Amino acid sequence: MNKSPLPLVVMTNVVFPETVALFEGVARVVVNDRPEPWPADVMREHCREAVGLMAFMTDRIDGAFLDGCPRLRVVGAALKGFDNIDVEAATRRGVQVTICEDLLTAPSAELAIGLMLSLGRHMLPGDAGIRDAGFGGWRPVHYGVGLADAEVGIVGFGRVGQAIAERLAGFGCRISAFDASPGAFPERFDASVARRGLPELLENSDFVVLALPLTPTTLHLIDASAISTMKTGALLINPARGSLVDEQAVADALEGGKLAGYAADVFECEDWARPDRPDCVNPRLRERTASTVLTPHLGSAVTRVRREIEASAARSIIDVLSGRQPAGAINVPADTGNGPDTEMRRTS
């Protein structure tokens, strides 16, 4: 009797060769070899026979997509946030979903600090000035805001928010945080981080740093109304999810002088789960080069970390295909008759 062909695993973005090598003898692998995401129809065709899927930020995994993948058993997300995946739809269809819970924490916190320093100290306008006009020596220009003695408010105090607070400890700033989740403030922060309600935090902070997941509750948490309560001249930092802010409202606040600056590594146009998401970064933000720092989603863009993220997602997929409980599981799939030894799952 001929041995059954290996199951198909699809990776929707460019990955390291070491990641592909992990599947040797376990699965056939199809990889997107270009930095641009596949068009939706191309992705559906690649995934039609897939048993495992390594998903990334650029993918929208919803019920309609899953219905076109009747053999799919596991979505191993190379992500921490999973707002682009309909977990309930996956659960109903017997599909395991896993995430990388903590690998993105440190690099995301590091980038948040970098955004704060770059925006507050006018590093990009200074760099541009040297490149455009040369440099004749010190001049009394580009005076900004430092972290020493500043009031820094962190909105969201999960792992990333806590990591940001830990890294700010040596800068001599006063740190406060808001989080609506019970038990969000470990005892180790009792002496270093003041717990505040969101209105009080916004009103008193020189820097407001967002460290929240995107949910229906946090969508446009920072809108025109919230910005109106902020300290005039405050700096807003968003390394978390683009749609936590209303980019139009931020542009209005920059133009009107309510906000002195906005730094973002994430943008509303990236939030694939929103059917009304804009198709590009707000042009008014892009035009304000003196008061914005905009980076192309570099939060986890550390080579070592990206290797670890891919390997983690790959191991989760392999575990499911091998009948083992994967690390990073965020759902308990419905029993659809798809046991660990079943090659494929057929929809009824």
C-alpha atoms as a PDB file:
ATOM      1  CA  MET A   1       0.000   0.000   0.000  1.00  0.00           C
ATOM      2  CA  ASN A   2       1.404   3.384  -1.022  1.00  0.00           C
ATOM      3  CA  LYS A   3       2.133   5.810   1.724  1.00  0.00           C
ATOM      4  CA  SER A   4      -0.222   8.808   1.825  1.00  0.00           C
ATOM      5  CA  PRO A   5       1.317  12.076   0.627  1.00  0.00           C
ATOM      6  CA  LEU A   6       2.415  14.470   3.312  1.00  0.00           C
ATOM      7  CA  PRO A   7      -0.177  17.048   4.409  1.00  0.00           C
ATOM      8  CA  LEU A   8       0.064  20.564   3.006  1.00  0.00           C
ATOM      9  CA  VAL A   9       1.129  23.532   5.141  1.00  0.00           C
ATOM     10  CA  VAL A  10       0.920  27.040   3.681  1.00  0.00           C
ATOM     11  CA  MET A  11       2.958  30.049   4.862  1.00  0.00           C
ATOM     12  CA  THR A  12       1.473  33.279   3.607  1.00  0.00           C
ATOM     13  CA  ASN A  13       4.604  35.427   3.881  1.00  0.00           C
ATOM     14  CA  VAL A  14       8.323  35.138   3.297  1.00  0.00           C
ATOM     15  CA  VAL A  15       9.970  33.027   6.007  1.00  0.00           C
ATOM     16  CA  PHE A  16      13.489  31.953   6.908  1.00  0.00           C
ATOM     17  CA  PRO A  17      14.841  28.741   5.336  1.00  0.00           C
ATOM     18  CA  GLU A  18      15.222  27.314   8.840  1.00  0.00           C
ATOM     19  CA  THR A  19      11.462  27.613   9.314  1.00  0.00           C
ATOM     20  CA  VAL A  20      10.737  25.596   6.182  1.00  0.00           C
ATOM     21  CA  ALA A  21      13.299  22.992   7.254  1.00  0.00           C
ATOM     22  CA  LEU A  22      11.322  22.269  10.428  1.00  0.00           C
ATOM     23  CA  PHE A  23       8.607  20.648   8.292  1.00  0.00           C
ATOM     24  CA  GLU A  24      10.923  18.191   6.553  1.00  0.00           C
ATOM     25  CA  GLY A  25       9.307  14.765   6.655  1.00  0.00           C
ATOM     26  CA  VAL A  26       6.203  16.234   8.340  1.00  0.00           C
ATOM     27  CA  ALA A  27       4.477  18.265   5.663  1.00  0.00           C
ATOM     28  CA  ARG A  28       4.686  19.660   2.163  1.00  0.00           C
ATOM     29  CA  VAL A  29       5.195  23.405   2.335  1.00  0.00           C
ATOM     30  CA  VAL A  30       4.046  26.244   0.090  1.00  0.00           C
ATOM     31  CA  VAL A  31       5.557  29.641   0.896  1.00  0.00           C
ATOM     32  CA  ASN A  32       4.831  33.107  -0.440  1.00  0.00           C
ATOM     33  CA  ASP A  33       8.274  34.085  -1.726  1.00  0.00           C
ATOM     34  CA  ARG A  34       7.500  37.792  -2.188  1.00  0.00           C
ATOM     35  CA  PRO A  35       7.193  40.556   0.439  1.00  0.00           C
ATOM     36  CA  GLU A  36       3.734  41.548  -0.806  1.00  0.00           C
ATOM     37  CA  PRO A  37       0.710  39.584   0.463  1.00  0.00           C
ATOM     38  CA  TRP A  38      -1.047  37.256  -1.911  1.00  0.00           C
ATOM     39  CA  PRO A  39      -4.283  38.627  -3.396  1.00  0.00           C
ATOM     40  CA  ALA A  40      -7.311  37.070  -1.715  1.00  0.00           C
ATOM     41  CA  ASP A  41      -8.112  34.741  -4.630  1.00  0.00           C
ATOM     42  CA  VAL A  42      -4.524  33.514  -4.846  1.00  0.00           C
ATOM     43  CA  MET A  43      -4.416  32.858  -1.114  1.00  0.00           C
ATOM     44  CA  ARG A  44      -7.689  30.925  -1.252  1.00  0.00           C
ATOM     45  CA  GLU A  45      -6.351  28.744  -4.051  1.00  0.00           C
ATOM     46  CA  HIS A  46      -3.105  28.002  -2.206  1.00  0.00           C
ATOM     47  CA  CYS A  47      -4.971  27.151   1.003  1.00  0.00           C
ATOM     48  CA  ARG A  48      -7.804  25.093  -0.495  1.00  0.00           C
ATOM     49  CA  GLU A  49      -6.082  21.779   0.317  1.00  0.00           C
ATOM     50  CA  ALA A  50      -4.062  23.000   3.302  1.00  0.00           C
ATOM     51  CA  VAL A  51      -4.120  21.175   6.630  1.00  0.00           C
ATOM     52  CA  GLY A  52      -1.954  23.784   8.377  1.00  0.00           C
ATOM     53  CA  LEU A  53      -1.584  27.523   7.858  1.00  0.00           C
ATOM     54  CA  MET A  54       1.065  29.892   9.187  1.00  0.00           C
ATOM     55  CA  ALA A  55      -0.717  33.255   9.274  1.00  0.00           C
ATOM     56  CA  PHE A  56       0.688  36.761   9.537  1.00  0.00           C
ATOM     57  CA  MET A  57      -0.509  40.316  10.111  1.00  0.00           C
ATOM     58  CA  THR A  58      -1.476  40.712   6.454  1.00  0.00           C
ATOM     59  CA  ASP A  59      -4.024  37.858   6.501  1.00  0.00           C
ATOM     60  CA  ARG A  60      -7.730  37.991   7.208  1.00  0.00           C
ATOM     61  CA  ILE A  61      -8.899  34.631   8.501  1.00  0.00           C
ATOM     62  CA  ASP A  62     -12.693  34.685   8.744  1.00  0.00           C
ATOM     63  CA  GLY A  63     -15.551  32.235   8.324  1.00  0.00           C
ATOM     64  CA  ALA A  64     -15.778  32.656   4.559  1.00  0.00           C
ATOM     65  CA  PHE A  65     -12.071  31.942   4.163  1.00  0.00           C
ATOM     66  CA  LEU A  66     -12.242  28.915   6.461  1.00  0.00           C
ATOM     67  CA  ASP A  67     -15.175  27.483   4.528  1.00  0.00           C
ATOM     68  CA  GLY A  68     -12.902  27.366   1.504  1.00  0.00           C
ATOM     69  CA  CYS A  69     -10.333  25.316   3.450  1.00  0.00           C
ATOM     70  CA  PRO A  70     -12.257  22.154   4.462  1.00  0.00           C
ATOM     71  CA  ARG A  71      -9.110  20.244   5.424  1.00  0.00           C
ATOM     72  CA  LEU A  72      -7.641  22.933   7.657  1.00  0.00           C
ATOM     73  CA  ARG A  73      -6.851  21.789  11.192  1.00  0.00           C
ATOM     74  CA  VAL A  74      -4.577  24.510  12.553  1.00  0.00           C
ATOM     75  CA  VAL A  75      -3.793  28.193  12.083  1.00  0.00           C
ATOM     76  CA  GLY A  76      -0.422  28.885  13.656  1.00  0.00           C
ATOM     77  CA  ALA A  77      -0.295  32.672  13.854  1.00  0.00           C
ATOM     78  CA  ALA A  78       3.137  34.294  13.774  1.00  0.00           C
ATOM     79  CA  LEU A  79       1.521  36.998  15.885  1.00  0.00           C
ATOM     80  CA  LYS A  80       0.690  38.049  19.406  1.00  0.00           C
ATOM     81  CA  GLY A  81      -2.381  40.119  18.558  1.00  0.00           C
ATOM     82  CA  PHE A  82      -4.981  38.141  16.628  1.00  0.00           C
ATOM     83  CA  ASP A  83      -7.668  40.675  15.729  1.00  0.00           C
ATOM     84  CA  ASN A  84      -7.336  39.614  12.073  1.00  0.00           C
ATOM     85  CA  ILE A  85      -8.466  36.063  12.931  1.00  0.00           C
ATOM     86  CA  ASP A  86     -12.079  35.143  13.670  1.00  0.00           C
ATOM     87  CA  VAL A  87     -11.313  32.731  16.481  1.00  0.00           C
ATOM     88  CA  GLU A  88     -14.962  31.852  17.076  1.00  0.00           C
ATOM     89  CA  ALA A  89     -15.396  30.894  13.422  1.00  0.00           C
ATOM     90  CA  ALA A  90     -12.292  28.713  13.631  1.00  0.00           C
ATOM     91  CA  THR A  91     -13.518  27.074  16.836  1.00  0.00           C
ATOM     92  CA  ARG A  92     -16.878  26.176  15.296  1.00  0.00           C
ATOM     93  CA  ARG A  93     -15.117  24.561  12.346  1.00  0.00           C
ATOM     94  CA  GLY A  94     -12.767  22.531  14.507  1.00  0.00           C
ATOM     95  CA  VAL A  95      -9.684  24.572  13.677  1.00  0.00           C
ATOM     96  CA  GLN A  96      -7.016  25.122  16.325  1.00  0.00           C
ATOM     97  CA  VAL A  97      -5.609  28.660  16.553  1.00  0.00           C
ATOM     98  CA  THR A  98      -2.275  29.392  18.220  1.00  0.00           C
ATOM     99  CA  ILE A  99      -0.350  32.606  18.813  1.00  0.00           C
ATOM    100  CA  CYS A 100       3.149  33.591  19.947  1.00  0.00           C
ATOM    101  CA  GLU A 101       2.361  34.887  23.399  1.00  0.00           C
ATOM    102  CA  ASP A 102       5.534  36.607  24.555  1.00  0.00           C
ATOM    103  CA  LEU A 103       8.180  36.707  21.826  1.00  0.00           C
ATOM    104  CA  LEU A 104       7.070  40.121  20.579  1.00  0.00           C
ATOM    105  CA  THR A 105       7.012  41.790  24.006  1.00  0.00           C
ATOM    106  CA  ALA A 106      10.617  42.958  24.355  1.00  0.00           C
ATOM    107  CA  PRO A 107      11.148  44.236  20.799  1.00  0.00           C
ATOM    108  CA  SER A 108       7.791  46.025  20.846  1.00  0.00           C
ATOM    109  CA  ALA A 109       8.688  47.751  24.114  1.00  0.00           C
ATOM    110  CA  GLU A 110      12.097  48.730  22.755  1.00  0.00           C
ATOM    111  CA  LEU A 111      10.524  50.273  19.688  1.00  0.00           C
ATOM    112  CA  ALA A 112       8.068  52.223  21.852  1.00  0.00           C
ATOM    113  CA  ILE A 113      10.994  53.816  23.688  1.00  0.00           C
ATOM    114  CA  GLY A 114      12.670  54.585  20.368  1.00  0.00           C
ATOM    115  CA  LEU A 115       9.534  56.287  19.075  1.00  0.00           C
ATOM    116  CA  MET A 116       9.283  58.377  22.245  1.00  0.00           C
ATOM    117  CA  LEU A 117      12.882  59.565  22.006  1.00  0.00           C
ATOM    118  CA  SER A 118      12.770  60.174  18.263  1.00  0.00           C
ATOM    119  CA  LEU A 119       9.565  62.195  18.431  1.00  0.00           C
ATOM    120  CA  GLY A 120      10.348  64.109  21.602  1.00  0.00           C
ATOM    121  CA  ARG A 121      13.879  65.035  20.542  1.00  0.00           C
ATOM    122  CA  HIS A 122      13.075  65.871  16.878  1.00  0.00           C
ATOM    123  CA  MET A 123      15.543  63.345  15.529  1.00  0.00           C
ATOM    124  CA  LEU A 124      13.947  62.983  12.092  1.00  0.00           C
ATOM    125  CA  PRO A 125      13.708  66.729  11.340  1.00  0.00           C
ATOM    126  CA  GLY A 126      17.296  67.075  12.538  1.00  0.00           C
ATOM    127  CA  ASP A 127      18.445  64.270  10.266  1.00  0.00           C
ATOM    128  CA  ALA A 128      16.549  65.746   7.319  1.00  0.00           C
ATOM    129  CA  GLY A 129      18.036  69.186   7.932  1.00  0.00           C
ATOM    130  CA  ILE A 130      21.576  67.859   7.752  1.00  0.00           C
ATOM    131  CA  ARG A 131      20.862  65.893   4.585  1.00  0.00           C
ATOM    132  CA  ASP A 132      19.059  68.766   2.877  1.00  0.00           C
ATOM    133  CA  ALA A 133      21.199  71.750   3.896  1.00  0.00           C
ATOM    134  CA  GLY A 134      24.388  70.383   5.358  1.00  0.00           C
ATOM    135  CA  PHE A 135      25.581  71.066   8.883  1.00  0.00           C
ATOM    136  CA  GLY A 136      27.435  74.178  10.000  1.00  0.00           C
ATOM    137  CA  GLY A 137      27.467  73.431  13.707  1.00  0.00           C
ATOM    138  CA  TRP A 138      25.109  73.830  16.647  1.00  0.00           C
ATOM    139  CA  ARG A 139      22.162  76.189  16.299  1.00  0.00           C
ATOM    140  CA  PRO A 140      19.353  76.989  18.807  1.00  0.00           C
ATOM    141  CA  VAL A 141      16.766  74.863  16.979  1.00  0.00           C
ATOM    142  CA  HIS A 142      14.800  71.628  17.419  1.00  0.00           C
ATOM    143  CA  TYR A 143      14.198  72.088  21.118  1.00  0.00           C
ATOM    144  CA  GLY A 144      11.986  69.219  22.245  1.00  0.00           C
ATOM    145  CA  VAL A 145      10.762  67.107  25.140  1.00  0.00           C
ATOM    146  CA  GLY A 146      12.993  64.716  27.078  1.00  0.00           C
ATOM    147  CA  LEU A 147      11.978  61.770  29.215  1.00  0.00           C
ATOM    148  CA  ALA A 148      13.621  63.001  32.413  1.00  0.00           C
ATOM    149  CA  ASP A 149      10.936  64.495  34.696  1.00  0.00           C
ATOM    150  CA  ALA A 150       8.235  63.839  32.086  1.00  0.00           C
ATOM    151  CA  GLU A 151       4.833  62.371  32.922  1.00  0.00           C
ATOM    152  CA  VAL A 152       4.428  59.178  30.903  1.00  0.00           C
ATOM    153  CA  GLY A 153       1.030  57.486  30.763  1.00  0.00           C
ATOM    154  CA  ILE A 154       0.783  53.913  29.480  1.00  0.00           C
ATOM    155  CA  VAL A 155      -2.656  52.877  28.252  1.00  0.00           C
ATOM    156  CA  GLY A 156      -2.829  49.114  28.637  1.00  0.00           C
ATOM    157  CA  PHE A 157      -0.699  47.344  31.219  1.00  0.00           C
ATOM    158  CA  GLY A 158      -0.366  43.816  29.937  1.00  0.00           C
ATOM    159  CA  ARG A 159       2.986  42.299  29.051  1.00  0.00           C
ATOM    160  CA  VAL A 160       3.970  45.010  26.575  1.00  0.00           C
ATOM    161  CA  GLY A 161       2.832  47.855  28.821  1.00  0.00           C
ATOM    162  CA  GLN A 162       4.769  46.375  31.714  1.00  0.00           C
ATOM    163  CA  ALA A 163       7.861  45.909  29.547  1.00  0.00           C
ATOM    164  CA  ILE A 164       7.671  49.563  28.489  1.00  0.00           C
ATOM    165  CA  ALA A 165       7.449  50.637  32.140  1.00  0.00           C
ATOM    166  CA  GLU A 166      10.457  48.488  33.039  1.00  0.00           C
ATOM    167  CA  ARG A 167      12.533  50.054  30.276  1.00  0.00           C
ATOM    168  CA  LEU A 168      11.495  53.570  31.251  1.00  0.00           C
ATOM    169  CA  ALA A 169      12.618  53.057  34.840  1.00  0.00           C
ATOM    170  CA  GLY A 170      16.113  54.394  34.187  1.00  0.00           C
ATOM    171  CA  PHE A 171      15.015  57.577  32.398  1.00  0.00           C
ATOM    172  CA  GLY A 172      13.816  59.458  35.471  1.00  0.00           C
ATOM    173  CA  CYS A 173      10.241  59.926  34.301  1.00  0.00           C
ATOM    174  CA  ARG A 174       7.071  59.579  36.326  1.00  0.00           C
ATOM    175  CA  ILE A 175       5.021  56.657  35.071  1.00  0.00           C
ATOM    176  CA  SER A 176       1.306  56.028  35.358  1.00  0.00           C
ATOM    177  CA  ALA A 177      -0.819  53.368  33.706  1.00  0.00           C
ATOM    178  CA  PHE A 178      -4.410  52.508  32.945  1.00  0.00           C
ATOM    179  CA  ASP A 179      -5.825  49.036  32.429  1.00  0.00           C
ATOM    180  CA  ALA A 180      -9.394  47.906  32.861  1.00  0.00           C
ATOM    181  CA  SER A 181      -8.456  44.255  33.346  1.00  0.00           C
ATOM    182  CA  PRO A 182      -8.519  42.876  36.910  1.00  0.00           C
ATOM    183  CA  GLY A 183      -5.094  41.925  38.186  1.00  0.00           C
ATOM    184  CA  ALA A 184      -3.274  43.915  35.530  1.00  0.00           C
ATOM    185  CA  PHE A 185      -0.869  45.537  38.006  1.00  0.00           C
ATOM    186  CA  PRO A 186       1.697  43.116  39.486  1.00  0.00           C
ATOM    187  CA  GLU A 187       3.026  44.006  42.920  1.00  0.00           C
ATOM    188  CA  ARG A 188       6.497  44.698  41.565  1.00  0.00           C
ATOM    189  CA  PHE A 189       5.163  47.948  40.044  1.00  0.00           C
ATOM    190  CA  ASP A 190       3.546  49.234  43.241  1.00  0.00           C
ATOM    191  CA  ALA A 191       6.336  51.729  43.912  1.00  0.00           C
ATOM    192  CA  SER A 192       7.160  52.716  40.341  1.00  0.00           C
ATOM    193  CA  VAL A 193       3.858  52.986  38.445  1.00  0.00           C
ATOM    194  CA  ALA A 194       0.814  54.971  39.565  1.00  0.00           C
ATOM    195  CA  ARG A 195      -2.518  53.372  38.684  1.00  0.00           C
ATOM    196  CA  ARG A 196      -4.894  55.892  37.120  1.00  0.00           C
ATOM    197  CA  GLY A 197      -8.215  56.035  35.357  1.00  0.00           C
ATOM    198  CA  LEU A 198      -8.039  56.821  31.662  1.00  0.00           C
ATOM    199  CA  PRO A 199      -9.391  60.395  31.894  1.00  0.00           C
ATOM    200  CA  GLU A 200      -6.883  61.307  34.614  1.00  0.00           C
ATOM    201  CA  LEU A 201      -4.014  59.696  32.718  1.00  0.00           C
ATOM    202  CA  LEU A 202      -4.825  61.535  29.475  1.00  0.00           C
ATOM    203  CA  GLU A 203      -5.196  64.846  31.266  1.00  0.00           C
ATOM    204  CA  ASN A 204      -1.819  64.674  33.027  1.00  0.00           C
ATOM    205  CA  SER A 205       0.588  62.910  30.663  1.00  0.00           C
ATOM    206  CA  ASP A 206       3.297  64.529  28.558  1.00  0.00           C
ATOM    207  CA  PHE A 207       3.658  61.225  26.667  1.00  0.00           C
ATOM    208  CA  VAL A 208       0.714  58.870  26.143  1.00  0.00           C
ATOM    209  CA  VAL A 209       1.818  55.410  25.035  1.00  0.00           C
ATOM    210  CA  LEU A 210      -0.710  52.876  23.743  1.00  0.00           C
ATOM    211  CA  ALA A 211      -0.164  49.203  24.599  1.00  0.00           C
ATOM    212  CA  LEU A 212      -3.585  47.652  24.009  1.00  0.00           C
ATOM    213  CA  PRO A 213      -5.007  44.952  21.756  1.00  0.00           C
ATOM    214  CA  LEU A 214      -7.575  45.969  19.155  1.00  0.00           C
ATOM    215  CA  THR A 215     -11.071  44.913  20.199  1.00  0.00           C
ATOM    216  CA  PRO A 216     -14.541  46.369  19.619  1.00  0.00           C
ATOM    217  CA  THR A 217     -14.100  48.183  22.934  1.00  0.00           C
ATOM    218  CA  THR A 218     -10.725  49.731  22.089  1.00  0.00           C
ATOM    219  CA  LEU A 219     -11.502  50.667  18.459  1.00  0.00           C
ATOM    220  CA  HIS A 220     -10.863  54.443  18.197  1.00  0.00           C
ATOM    221  CA  LEU A 221     -10.300  54.653  21.940  1.00  0.00           C
ATOM    222  CA  ILE A 222      -8.256  57.760  21.193  1.00  0.00           C
ATOM    223  CA  ASP A 223     -10.703  59.857  19.205  1.00  0.00           C
ATOM    224  CA  ALA A 224     -11.399  63.587  19.041  1.00  0.00           C
ATOM    225  CA  SER A 225     -13.169  63.497  22.388  1.00  0.00           C
ATOM    226  CA  ALA A 226     -10.303  61.710  24.141  1.00  0.00           C
ATOM    227  CA  ILE A 227      -7.699  63.968  22.551  1.00  0.00           C
ATOM    228  CA  SER A 228      -9.596  67.037  23.741  1.00  0.00           C
ATOM    229  CA  THR A 229      -8.946  65.934  27.345  1.00  0.00           C
ATOM    230  CA  MET A 230      -5.194  65.515  26.824  1.00  0.00           C
ATOM    231  CA  LYS A 231      -2.604  68.018  27.956  1.00  0.00           C
ATOM    232  CA  THR A 232      -1.990  70.625  25.246  1.00  0.00           C
ATOM    233  CA  GLY A 233       1.372  69.846  23.656  1.00  0.00           C
ATOM    234  CA  ALA A 234       1.305  66.164  24.599  1.00  0.00           C
ATOM    235  CA  LEU A 235       2.967  63.490  22.468  1.00  0.00           C
ATOM    236  CA  LEU A 236       0.984  60.396  21.455  1.00  0.00           C
ATOM    237  CA  ILE A 237       2.833  57.125  20.800  1.00  0.00           C
ATOM    238  CA  ASN A 238       1.184  54.124  19.112  1.00  0.00           C
ATOM    239  CA  PRO A 239       3.234  50.920  18.761  1.00  0.00           C
ATOM    240  CA  ALA A 240       0.179  48.666  19.295  1.00  0.00           C
ATOM    241  CA  ARG A 241      -2.630  48.725  16.682  1.00  0.00           C
ATOM    242  CA  GLY A 242      -3.463  51.484  14.227  1.00  0.00           C
ATOM    243  CA  SER A 243      -7.199  51.560  14.861  1.00  0.00           C
ATOM    244  CA  LEU A 244      -6.762  52.323  18.538  1.00  0.00           C
ATOM    245  CA  VAL A 245      -6.655  55.901  17.279  1.00  0.00           C
ATOM    246  CA  ASP A 246      -8.795  57.870  14.867  1.00  0.00           C
ATOM    247  CA  GLU A 247      -6.075  59.062  12.491  1.00  0.00           C
ATOM    248  CA  GLN A 248      -8.258  61.902  11.188  1.00  0.00           C
ATOM    249  CA  ALA A 249      -8.713  63.164  14.729  1.00  0.00           C
ATOM    250  CA  VAL A 250      -4.964  62.924  15.351  1.00  0.00           C
ATOM    251  CA  ALA A 251      -4.260  64.919  12.180  1.00  0.00           C
ATOM    252  CA  ASP A 252      -6.763  67.563  13.281  1.00  0.00           C
ATOM    253  CA  ALA A 253      -5.103  67.767  16.715  1.00  0.00           C
ATOM    254  CA  LEU A 254      -1.630  68.146  15.199  1.00  0.00           C
ATOM    255  CA  GLU A 255      -2.795  70.873  12.829  1.00  0.00           C
ATOM    256  CA  GLY A 256      -4.637  72.681  15.618  1.00  0.00           C
ATOM    257  CA  GLY A 257      -1.743  72.460  18.085  1.00  0.00           C
ATOM    258  CA  LYS A 258      -3.522  70.297  20.662  1.00  0.00           C
ATOM    259  CA  LEU A 259      -0.980  67.519  20.091  1.00  0.00           C
ATOM    260  CA  ALA A 260       2.684  68.384  19.629  1.00  0.00           C
ATOM    261  CA  GLY A 261       3.484  65.089  17.950  1.00  0.00           C
ATOM    262  CA  TYR A 262       2.379  61.614  16.962  1.00  0.00           C
ATOM    263  CA  ALA A 263       4.602  58.562  16.550  1.00  0.00           C
ATOM    264  CA  ALA A 264       3.190  55.330  15.154  1.00  0.00           C
ATOM    265  CA  ASP A 265       4.472  51.956  14.072  1.00  0.00           C
ATOM    266  CA  VAL A 266       0.957  50.779  13.150  1.00  0.00           C
ATOM    267  CA  PHE A 267      -1.850  52.233  11.070  1.00  0.00           C
ATOM    268  CA  GLU A 268      -5.571  51.898  10.526  1.00  0.00           C
ATOM    269  CA  CYS A 269      -5.057  50.594   6.991  1.00  0.00           C
ATOM    270  CA  GLU A 270      -3.417  47.450   8.410  1.00  0.00           C
ATOM    271  CA  ASP A 271      -6.387  46.314  10.461  1.00  0.00           C
ATOM    272  CA  TRP A 272      -7.810  43.726   8.089  1.00  0.00           C
ATOM    273  CA  ALA A 273     -10.706  42.757  10.344  1.00  0.00           C
ATOM    274  CA  ARG A 274     -12.266  46.193   9.774  1.00  0.00           C
ATOM    275  CA  PRO A 275     -14.397  46.204   6.628  1.00  0.00           C
ATOM    276  CA  ASP A 276     -14.239  50.024   6.674  1.00  0.00           C
ATOM    277  CA  ARG A 277     -10.498  50.323   7.121  1.00  0.00           C
ATOM    278  CA  PRO A 278      -8.829  53.069   5.046  1.00  0.00           C
ATOM    279  CA  ASP A 279      -6.668  51.971   2.140  1.00  0.00           C
ATOM    280  CA  CYS A 280      -3.561  53.949   3.108  1.00  0.00           C
ATOM    281  CA  VAL A 281      -1.888  55.841   5.920  1.00  0.00           C
ATOM    282  CA  ASN A 282      -3.646  59.143   6.435  1.00  0.00           C
ATOM    283  CA  PRO A 283      -1.998  61.603   3.991  1.00  0.00           C
ATOM    284  CA  ARG A 284      -2.274  64.459   6.461  1.00  0.00           C
ATOM    285  CA  LEU A 285      -0.101  62.494   8.897  1.00  0.00           C
ATOM    286  CA  ARG A 286       2.456  61.703   6.218  1.00  0.00           C
ATOM    287  CA  GLU A 287       2.711  65.370   5.282  1.00  0.00           C
ATOM    288  CA  ARG A 288       3.501  66.533   8.833  1.00  0.00           C
ATOM    289  CA  THR A 289       7.150  65.515   8.799  1.00  0.00           C
ATOM    290  CA  ALA A 290       8.123  67.897  11.617  1.00  0.00           C
ATOM    291  CA  SER A 291       5.637  66.496  14.122  1.00  0.00           C
ATOM    292  CA  THR A 292       5.310  62.808  13.264  1.00  0.00           C
ATOM    293  CA  VAL A 293       7.491  59.710  13.333  1.00  0.00           C
ATOM    294  CA  LEU A 294       6.000  56.932  11.198  1.00  0.00           C
ATOM    295  CA  THR A 295       7.673  53.520  10.985  1.00  0.00           C
ATOM    296  CA  PRO A 296       6.553  50.534   8.862  1.00  0.00           C
ATOM    297  CA  HIS A 297       5.444  48.105  11.585  1.00  0.00           C
ATOM    298  CA  LEU A 298       8.932  47.434  12.916  1.00  0.00           C
ATOM    299  CA  GLY A 299       7.789  46.296  16.369  1.00  0.00           C
ATOM    300  CA  SER A 300       9.071  42.738  16.063  1.00  0.00           C
ATOM    301  CA  ALA A 301      11.542  43.380  13.229  1.00  0.00           C
ATOM    302  CA  VAL A 302      14.555  41.942  15.026  1.00  0.00           C
ATOM    303  CA  THR A 303      16.115  39.105  13.028  1.00  0.00           C
ATOM    304  CA  ARG A 304      16.609  36.780  15.980  1.00  0.00           C
ATOM    305  CA  VAL A 305      13.090  37.430  17.248  1.00  0.00           C
ATOM    306  CA  ARG A 306      11.479  36.884  13.848  1.00  0.00           C
ATOM    307  CA  ARG A 307      13.253  33.526  13.574  1.00  0.00           C
ATOM    308  CA  GLU A 308      11.929  32.569  17.003  1.00  0.00           C
ATOM    309  CA  ILE A 309       8.387  33.697  16.142  1.00  0.00           C
ATOM    310  CA  GLU A 310       8.318  31.626  12.953  1.00  0.00           C
ATOM    311  CA  ALA A 311       9.782  28.616  14.739  1.00  0.00           C
ATOM    312  CA  SER A 312       7.185  28.903  17.486  1.00  0.00           C
ATOM    313  CA  ALA A 313       4.323  29.044  14.973  1.00  0.00           C
ATOM    314  CA  ALA A 314       5.830  26.134  13.055  1.00  0.00           C
ATOM    315  CA  ARG A 315       6.145  23.968  16.170  1.00  0.00           C
ATOM    316  CA  SER A 316       2.517  24.672  17.033  1.00  0.00           C
ATOM    317  CA  ILE A 317       1.404  23.519  13.593  1.00  0.00           C
ATOM    318  CA  ILE A 318       3.568  20.397  13.816  1.00  0.00           C
ATOM    319  CA  ASP A 319       2.203  19.605  17.270  1.00  0.00           C
ATOM    320  CA  VAL A 320      -1.385  19.716  16.015  1.00  0.00           C
ATOM    321  CA  LEU A 321      -0.602  17.610  12.965  1.00  0.00           C
ATOM    322  CA  SER A 322       1.109  15.107  15.283  1.00  0.00           C
ATOM    323  CA  GLY A 323      -1.819  14.945  17.701  1.00  0.00           C
ATOM    324  CA  ARG A 324      -0.155  16.937  20.482  1.00  0.00           C
ATOM    325  CA  GLN A 325      -1.494  19.928  22.387  1.00  0.00           C
ATOM    326  CA  PRO A 326       0.290  23.011  21.005  1.00  0.00           C
ATOM    327  CA  ALA A 327       1.766  25.859  22.975  1.00  0.00           C
ATOM    328  CA  GLY A 328       0.041  29.192  22.537  1.00  0.00           C
ATOM    329  CA  ALA A 329      -3.411  27.708  21.899  1.00  0.00           C
ATOM    330  CA  ILE A 330      -6.180  30.288  22.313  1.00  0.00           C
ATOM    331  CA  ASN A 331      -9.234  28.137  21.579  1.00  0.00           C
ATOM    332  CA  VAL A 332     -10.664  24.689  22.097  1.00  0.00           C
ATOM    333  CA  PRO A 333     -11.833  23.554  18.662  1.00  0.00           C
ATOM    334  CA  ALA A 334     -15.254  21.960  18.307  1.00  0.00           C
ATOM    335  CA  ASP A 335     -15.277  18.209  17.795  1.00  0.00           C
ATOM    336  CA  THR A 336     -15.918  17.775  14.089  1.00  0.00           C
ATOM    337  CA  GLY A 337     -14.694  14.197  13.942  1.00  0.00           C
ATOM    338  CA  ASN A 338     -11.214  15.441  13.079  1.00  0.00           C
ATOM    339  CA  GLY A 339      -8.959  13.345  15.298  1.00  0.00           C
ATOM    340  CA  PRO A 340      -5.152  13.509  15.347  1.00  0.00           C
ATOM    341  CA  ASP A 341      -4.846  10.621  12.892  1.00  0.00           C
ATOM    342  CA  THR A 342      -7.341  11.978  10.390  1.00  0.00           C
ATOM    343  CA  GLU A 343      -5.700  13.227   7.239  1.00  0.00           C
ATOM    344  CA  MET A 344      -8.431  15.659   6.384  1.00  0.00           C
ATOM    345  CA  ARG A 345     -11.534  17.216   7.839  1.00  0.00           C
ATOM    346  CA  ARG A 346     -14.555  17.376   5.541  1.00  0.00           C
ATOM    347  CA  THR A 347     -17.374  19.843   6.040  1.00  0.00           C
ATOM    348  CA  SER A 348     -20.863  18.406   6.246  1.00  0.00           C
END
